[in-house]
Amino acid sequence: MTMGVTGVFWYPRSATGNSIALNSGAHALPISAAAASWGTLAGIYTEAAATVARVMAEVGAGHEGINSIGALSKLTGFAAWAEQTSLNAALTSAKATANVTAYTVASLAMPSLPEIAAVKAAKVAAYSTGGALNGTAQLAEVADAALDLRAALVMEAYEAATTVLALPNDFAPAPAIAAGADVDQQ
């Protein structure tokens, strides 16, 4: 058992503690909604880049002179920014989708509370019916320890799968395209 980015050793927390920690709360719904929102945002930025490209084509075809050159240089920078921002938004959407998948897999692999309760009940029954003498108590102990190990391994795998997904993407601020718009904003 290793300590991951969260600094948690999962094994000592038991199957019950790990199952509750993973399965309580909102589950993958907010992450899934975020993935969809980032995907929508990526599409919006792609459309913005395409719109700017159309404007640039119109300016290039219909205007000549120093002002059109200046406008085209500003719009070129903005179009590149919009394209990069679209890619970053799409990457963020993909990361959120991967997080949903990791959560779903972890949730399915995690021992459920009814499964844990059944093993605990079998352990109590084994000890109360002479299981220490006939070996059923030892089997129940092994089953209980196996649940703890499985839950810890699920949490470690989930943590490992999602650690890289938590790294933020670098979203650069939009370049100024209008006179006076490049003043530092606080």
C-alpha atoms as a PDB file:
ATOM      1  CA  MET A   1       0.000   0.000   0.000  1.00  0.00           C
ATOM      2  CA  THR A   2       1.342   3.382  -0.964  1.00  0.00           C
ATOM      3  CA  MET A   3       0.481   6.930  -0.138  1.00  0.00           C
ATOM      4  CA  GLY A   4      -0.755   8.856  -3.159  1.00  0.00           C
ATOM      5  CA  VAL A   5      -1.141  12.535  -3.877  1.00  0.00           C
ATOM      6  CA  THR A   6      -3.869  12.893  -1.244  1.00  0.00           C
ATOM      7  CA  GLY A   7      -1.495  11.709   1.473  1.00  0.00           C
ATOM      8  CA  VAL A   8      -3.961   9.031   2.545  1.00  0.00           C
ATOM      9  CA  PHE A   9      -3.024   5.452   3.360  1.00  0.00           C
ATOM     10  CA  TRP A  10      -6.237   3.738   2.311  1.00  0.00           C
ATOM     11  CA  TYR A  11      -5.764   0.293   3.880  1.00  0.00           C
ATOM     12  CA  PRO A  12      -6.134   1.328   7.547  1.00  0.00           C
ATOM     13  CA  ARG A  13      -9.450   3.010   6.758  1.00  0.00           C
ATOM     14  CA  SER A  14     -11.186  -0.373   6.266  1.00  0.00           C
ATOM     15  CA  ALA A  15     -13.593  -1.445   3.566  1.00  0.00           C
ATOM     16  CA  THR A  16     -16.480   0.317   5.302  1.00  0.00           C
ATOM     17  CA  GLY A  17     -14.643   3.636   5.559  1.00  0.00           C
ATOM     18  CA  ASN A  18     -13.404   3.523   1.965  1.00  0.00           C
ATOM     19  CA  SER A  19     -16.786   2.477   0.586  1.00  0.00           C
ATOM     20  CA  ILE A  20     -18.510   5.326   2.392  1.00  0.00           C
ATOM     21  CA  ALA A  21     -15.807   7.809   1.338  1.00  0.00           C
ATOM     22  CA  LEU A  22     -16.166   6.861  -2.330  1.00  0.00           C
ATOM     23  CA  ASN A  23     -19.909   6.369  -2.560  1.00  0.00           C
ATOM     24  CA  SER A  24     -21.268   9.181  -0.409  1.00  0.00           C
ATOM     25  CA  GLY A  25     -21.950  12.493  -2.029  1.00  0.00           C
ATOM     26  CA  ALA A  26     -22.952  13.482  -5.532  1.00  0.00           C
ATOM     27  CA  HIS A  27     -21.151  10.630  -7.335  1.00  0.00           C
ATOM     28  CA  ALA A  28     -20.105  11.367 -10.925  1.00  0.00           C
ATOM     29  CA  LEU A  29     -23.042  13.641 -11.778  1.00  0.00           C
ATOM     30  CA  PRO A  30     -21.297  17.020 -11.275  1.00  0.00           C
ATOM     31  CA  ILE A  31     -18.170  15.783 -13.055  1.00  0.00           C
ATOM     32  CA  SER A  32     -20.292  14.563 -15.956  1.00  0.00           C
ATOM     33  CA  ALA A  33     -22.088  17.921 -16.118  1.00  0.00           C
ATOM     34  CA  ALA A  34     -18.717  19.689 -16.101  1.00  0.00           C
ATOM     35  CA  ALA A  35     -17.508  17.509 -18.976  1.00  0.00           C
ATOM     36  CA  ALA A  36     -20.562  18.454 -21.014  1.00  0.00           C
ATOM     37  CA  SER A  37     -20.163  22.146 -20.172  1.00  0.00           C
ATOM     38  CA  TRP A  38     -16.487  22.178 -21.140  1.00  0.00           C
ATOM     39  CA  GLY A  39     -17.378  20.402 -24.387  1.00  0.00           C
ATOM     40  CA  THR A  40     -19.981  23.064 -25.129  1.00  0.00           C
ATOM     41  CA  LEU A  41     -17.475  25.793 -24.316  1.00  0.00           C
ATOM     42  CA  ALA A  42     -14.935  24.197 -26.672  1.00  0.00           C
ATOM     43  CA  GLY A  43     -17.526  24.337 -29.433  1.00  0.00           C
ATOM     44  CA  ILE A  44     -18.259  27.990 -28.692  1.00  0.00           C
ATOM     45  CA  TYR A  45     -14.582  28.916 -28.901  1.00  0.00           C
ATOM     46  CA  THR A  46     -14.238  26.941 -32.133  1.00  0.00           C
ATOM     47  CA  GLU A  47     -17.161  28.894 -33.567  1.00  0.00           C
ATOM     48  CA  ALA A  48     -15.593  32.157 -32.358  1.00  0.00           C
ATOM     49  CA  ALA A  49     -12.331  31.282 -34.142  1.00  0.00           C
ATOM     50  CA  ALA A  50     -14.269  30.460 -37.326  1.00  0.00           C
ATOM     51  CA  THR A  51     -16.193  33.738 -37.086  1.00  0.00           C
ATOM     52  CA  VAL A  52     -12.980  35.711 -36.662  1.00  0.00           C
ATOM     53  CA  ALA A  53     -11.506  33.885 -39.666  1.00  0.00           C
ATOM     54  CA  ARG A  54     -14.535  34.907 -41.751  1.00  0.00           C
ATOM     55  CA  VAL A  55     -14.188  38.525 -40.581  1.00  0.00           C
ATOM     56  CA  MET A  56     -10.491  38.440 -41.438  1.00  0.00           C
ATOM     57  CA  ALA A  57     -11.285  37.142 -44.930  1.00  0.00           C
ATOM     58  CA  GLU A  58     -13.782  39.974 -45.437  1.00  0.00           C
ATOM     59  CA  VAL A  59     -11.369  42.603 -44.129  1.00  0.00           C
ATOM     60  CA  GLY A  60      -8.548  41.209 -46.255  1.00  0.00           C
ATOM     61  CA  ALA A  61     -10.674  41.154 -49.379  1.00  0.00           C
ATOM     62  CA  GLY A  62     -12.464  44.456 -48.968  1.00  0.00           C
ATOM     63  CA  HIS A  63     -10.062  46.832 -47.274  1.00  0.00           C
ATOM     64  CA  GLU A  64      -6.565  48.037 -47.954  1.00  0.00           C
ATOM     65  CA  GLY A  65      -4.225  50.222 -45.997  1.00  0.00           C
ATOM     66  CA  ILE A  66      -2.592  50.582 -42.628  1.00  0.00           C
ATOM     67  CA  ASN A  67      -5.822  50.192 -40.655  1.00  0.00           C
ATOM     68  CA  SER A  68      -6.735  46.908 -42.272  1.00  0.00           C
ATOM     69  CA  ILE A  69      -3.199  45.590 -41.648  1.00  0.00           C
ATOM     70  CA  GLY A  70      -3.479  46.611 -37.994  1.00  0.00           C
ATOM     71  CA  ALA A  71      -6.927  45.058 -37.675  1.00  0.00           C
ATOM     72  CA  LEU A  72      -5.779  41.832 -39.299  1.00  0.00           C
ATOM     73  CA  SER A  73      -2.770  41.563 -36.991  1.00  0.00           C
ATOM     74  CA  LYS A  74      -5.003  41.972 -33.915  1.00  0.00           C
ATOM     75  CA  LEU A  75      -7.579  39.526 -35.251  1.00  0.00           C
ATOM     76  CA  THR A  76      -4.895  36.980 -36.149  1.00  0.00           C
ATOM     77  CA  GLY A  77      -3.721  36.929 -32.533  1.00  0.00           C
ATOM     78  CA  PHE A  78      -7.303  36.635 -31.301  1.00  0.00           C
ATOM     79  CA  ALA A  79      -8.087  33.794 -33.718  1.00  0.00           C
ATOM     80  CA  ALA A  80      -5.028  31.864 -32.547  1.00  0.00           C
ATOM     81  CA  TRP A  81      -6.037  32.456 -28.930  1.00  0.00           C
ATOM     82  CA  ALA A  82      -9.610  31.269 -29.594  1.00  0.00           C
ATOM     83  CA  GLU A  83      -8.328  28.106 -31.275  1.00  0.00           C
ATOM     84  CA  GLN A  84      -5.959  27.358 -28.384  1.00  0.00           C
ATOM     85  CA  THR A  85      -8.674  28.064 -25.835  1.00  0.00           C
ATOM     86  CA  SER A  86     -11.004  25.721 -27.718  1.00  0.00           C
ATOM     87  CA  LEU A  87      -8.363  22.979 -27.544  1.00  0.00           C
ATOM     88  CA  ASN A  88      -7.843  23.594 -23.823  1.00  0.00           C
ATOM     89  CA  ALA A  89     -11.578  23.468 -23.185  1.00  0.00           C
ATOM     90  CA  ALA A  90     -11.832  20.215 -25.167  1.00  0.00           C
ATOM     91  CA  LEU A  91      -8.920  18.776 -23.152  1.00  0.00           C
ATOM     92  CA  THR A  92     -10.629  19.793 -19.915  1.00  0.00           C
ATOM     93  CA  SER A  93     -13.824  18.116 -21.129  1.00  0.00           C
ATOM     94  CA  ALA A  94     -11.865  14.942 -21.934  1.00  0.00           C
ATOM     95  CA  LYS A  95     -10.238  15.007 -18.489  1.00  0.00           C
ATOM     96  CA  ALA A  96     -13.616  15.351 -16.805  1.00  0.00           C
ATOM     97  CA  THR A  97     -14.979  12.484 -18.901  1.00  0.00           C
ATOM     98  CA  ALA A  98     -11.994  10.329 -17.921  1.00  0.00           C
ATOM     99  CA  ASN A  99     -12.669  11.237 -14.291  1.00  0.00           C
ATOM    100  CA  VAL A 100     -16.285  10.077 -14.671  1.00  0.00           C
ATOM    101  CA  THR A 101     -15.033   6.778 -16.085  1.00  0.00           C
ATOM    102  CA  ALA A 102     -12.498   6.354 -13.270  1.00  0.00           C
ATOM    103  CA  TYR A 103     -15.143   7.078 -10.652  1.00  0.00           C
ATOM    104  CA  THR A 104     -17.631   4.677 -12.230  1.00  0.00           C
ATOM    105  CA  VAL A 105     -15.075   1.863 -12.408  1.00  0.00           C
ATOM    106  CA  ALA A 106     -13.981   2.498  -8.813  1.00  0.00           C
ATOM    107  CA  SER A 107     -17.575   2.582  -7.615  1.00  0.00           C
ATOM    108  CA  LEU A 108     -18.347  -0.738  -9.305  1.00  0.00           C
ATOM    109  CA  ALA A 109     -15.185  -2.389  -7.957  1.00  0.00           C
ATOM    110  CA  MET A 110     -15.595  -1.055  -4.408  1.00  0.00           C
ATOM    111  CA  PRO A 111     -17.136  -3.465  -1.903  1.00  0.00           C
ATOM    112  CA  SER A 112     -20.720  -2.361  -1.275  1.00  0.00           C
ATOM    113  CA  LEU A 113     -22.035  -1.727   2.219  1.00  0.00           C
ATOM    114  CA  PRO A 114     -24.406  -4.742   1.989  1.00  0.00           C
ATOM    115  CA  GLU A 115     -21.486  -6.952   0.898  1.00  0.00           C
ATOM    116  CA  ILE A 116     -19.397  -5.677   3.814  1.00  0.00           C
ATOM    117  CA  ALA A 117     -22.302  -6.183   6.236  1.00  0.00           C
ATOM    118  CA  ALA A 118     -22.766  -9.754   5.019  1.00  0.00           C
ATOM    119  CA  VAL A 119     -19.103 -10.569   5.655  1.00  0.00           C
ATOM    120  CA  LYS A 120     -19.239  -8.934   9.100  1.00  0.00           C
ATOM    121  CA  ALA A 121     -22.401 -10.913   9.924  1.00  0.00           C
ATOM    122  CA  ALA A 122     -20.742 -14.136   8.752  1.00  0.00           C
ATOM    123  CA  LYS A 123     -17.782 -13.335  10.986  1.00  0.00           C
ATOM    124  CA  VAL A 124     -20.007 -12.796  14.020  1.00  0.00           C
ATOM    125  CA  ALA A 125     -21.908 -15.990  13.222  1.00  0.00           C
ATOM    126  CA  ALA A 126     -18.682 -17.959  12.818  1.00  0.00           C
ATOM    127  CA  TYR A 127     -17.342 -16.872  16.188  1.00  0.00           C
ATOM    128  CA  SER A 128     -20.657 -17.444  17.953  1.00  0.00           C
ATOM    129  CA  THR A 129     -21.009 -21.001  16.639  1.00  0.00           C
ATOM    130  CA  GLY A 130     -17.583 -22.406  17.442  1.00  0.00           C
ATOM    131  CA  GLY A 131     -15.862 -21.130  14.341  1.00  0.00           C
ATOM    132  CA  ALA A 132     -12.605 -20.653  16.207  1.00  0.00           C
ATOM    133  CA  LEU A 133     -12.458 -24.418  16.566  1.00  0.00           C
ATOM    134  CA  ASN A 134     -13.659 -25.547  13.147  1.00  0.00           C
ATOM    135  CA  GLY A 135     -11.899 -22.912  11.012  1.00  0.00           C
ATOM    136  CA  THR A 136     -14.922 -20.912   9.845  1.00  0.00           C
ATOM    137  CA  ALA A 137     -13.861 -17.920  11.962  1.00  0.00           C
ATOM    138  CA  GLN A 138     -10.493 -17.853  10.222  1.00  0.00           C
ATOM    139  CA  LEU A 139     -12.230 -17.978   6.836  1.00  0.00           C
ATOM    140  CA  ALA A 140     -14.470 -15.094   7.880  1.00  0.00           C
ATOM    141  CA  GLU A 141     -11.404 -13.117   9.026  1.00  0.00           C
ATOM    142  CA  VAL A 142      -9.724 -13.741   5.661  1.00  0.00           C
ATOM    143  CA  ALA A 143     -12.881 -12.628   3.829  1.00  0.00           C
ATOM    144  CA  ASP A 144     -13.016  -9.454   5.966  1.00  0.00           C
ATOM    145  CA  ALA A 145      -9.327  -8.701   5.348  1.00  0.00           C
ATOM    146  CA  ALA A 146      -9.831  -9.328   1.622  1.00  0.00           C
ATOM    147  CA  LEU A 147     -12.584  -6.692   1.547  1.00  0.00           C
ATOM    148  CA  ASP A 148     -10.304  -4.209   3.318  1.00  0.00           C
ATOM    149  CA  LEU A 149      -7.529  -4.919   0.820  1.00  0.00           C
ATOM    150  CA  ARG A 150      -9.866  -4.706  -2.176  1.00  0.00           C
ATOM    151  CA  ALA A 151     -11.294  -1.386  -0.985  1.00  0.00           C
ATOM    152  CA  ALA A 152      -7.811   0.035  -0.409  1.00  0.00           C
ATOM    153  CA  LEU A 153      -6.636  -1.086  -3.846  1.00  0.00           C
ATOM    154  CA  VAL A 154      -9.720   0.455  -5.460  1.00  0.00           C
ATOM    155  CA  MET A 155      -9.051   3.781  -3.733  1.00  0.00           C
ATOM    156  CA  GLU A 156      -5.364   3.691  -4.708  1.00  0.00           C
ATOM    157  CA  ALA A 157      -6.242   2.936  -8.323  1.00  0.00           C
ATOM    158  CA  TYR A 158      -8.898   5.669  -8.391  1.00  0.00           C
ATOM    159  CA  GLU A 159      -6.476   8.163  -6.877  1.00  0.00           C
ATOM    160  CA  ALA A 160      -3.753   7.188  -9.365  1.00  0.00           C
ATOM    161  CA  ALA A 161      -6.158   7.440 -12.312  1.00  0.00           C
ATOM    162  CA  THR A 162      -7.451  10.861 -11.335  1.00  0.00           C
ATOM    163  CA  THR A 163      -4.273  12.562 -10.095  1.00  0.00           C
ATOM    164  CA  VAL A 164      -3.095  13.542 -13.576  1.00  0.00           C
ATOM    165  CA  LEU A 165      -6.627  14.626 -14.453  1.00  0.00           C
ATOM    166  CA  ALA A 166      -6.600  17.165 -11.639  1.00  0.00           C
ATOM    167  CA  LEU A 167      -3.726  19.119 -13.149  1.00  0.00           C
ATOM    168  CA  PRO A 168      -5.147  22.380 -14.491  1.00  0.00           C
ATOM    169  CA  ASN A 169      -4.812  23.413 -18.110  1.00  0.00           C
ATOM    170  CA  ASP A 170      -3.174  26.732 -18.892  1.00  0.00           C
ATOM    171  CA  PHE A 171      -5.813  29.143 -20.150  1.00  0.00           C
ATOM    172  CA  ALA A 172      -4.118  32.310 -21.395  1.00  0.00           C
ATOM    173  CA  PRO A 173      -6.035  35.582 -21.229  1.00  0.00           C
ATOM    174  CA  ALA A 174      -7.493  36.850 -24.487  1.00  0.00           C
ATOM    175  CA  PRO A 175      -5.302  39.264 -26.427  1.00  0.00           C
ATOM    176  CA  ALA A 176      -6.506  42.821 -26.805  1.00  0.00           C
ATOM    177  CA  ILE A 177      -8.139  43.536 -30.151  1.00  0.00           C
ATOM    178  CA  ALA A 178      -9.319  47.113 -29.571  1.00  0.00           C
ATOM    179  CA  ALA A 179      -7.364  50.259 -28.805  1.00  0.00           C
ATOM    180  CA  GLY A 180      -7.057  50.749 -25.055  1.00  0.00           C
ATOM    181  CA  ALA A 181      -8.205  47.216 -24.313  1.00  0.00           C
ATOM    182  CA  ASP A 182      -4.710  45.984 -23.520  1.00  0.00           C
ATOM    183  CA  VAL A 183      -4.544  47.932 -20.254  1.00  0.00           C
ATOM    184  CA  ASP A 184      -3.760  45.671 -17.298  1.00  0.00           C
ATOM    185  CA  GLN A 185      -6.949  44.626 -15.584  1.00  0.00           C
ATOM    186  CA  GLN A 186      -7.004  43.898 -11.889  1.00  0.00           C
END
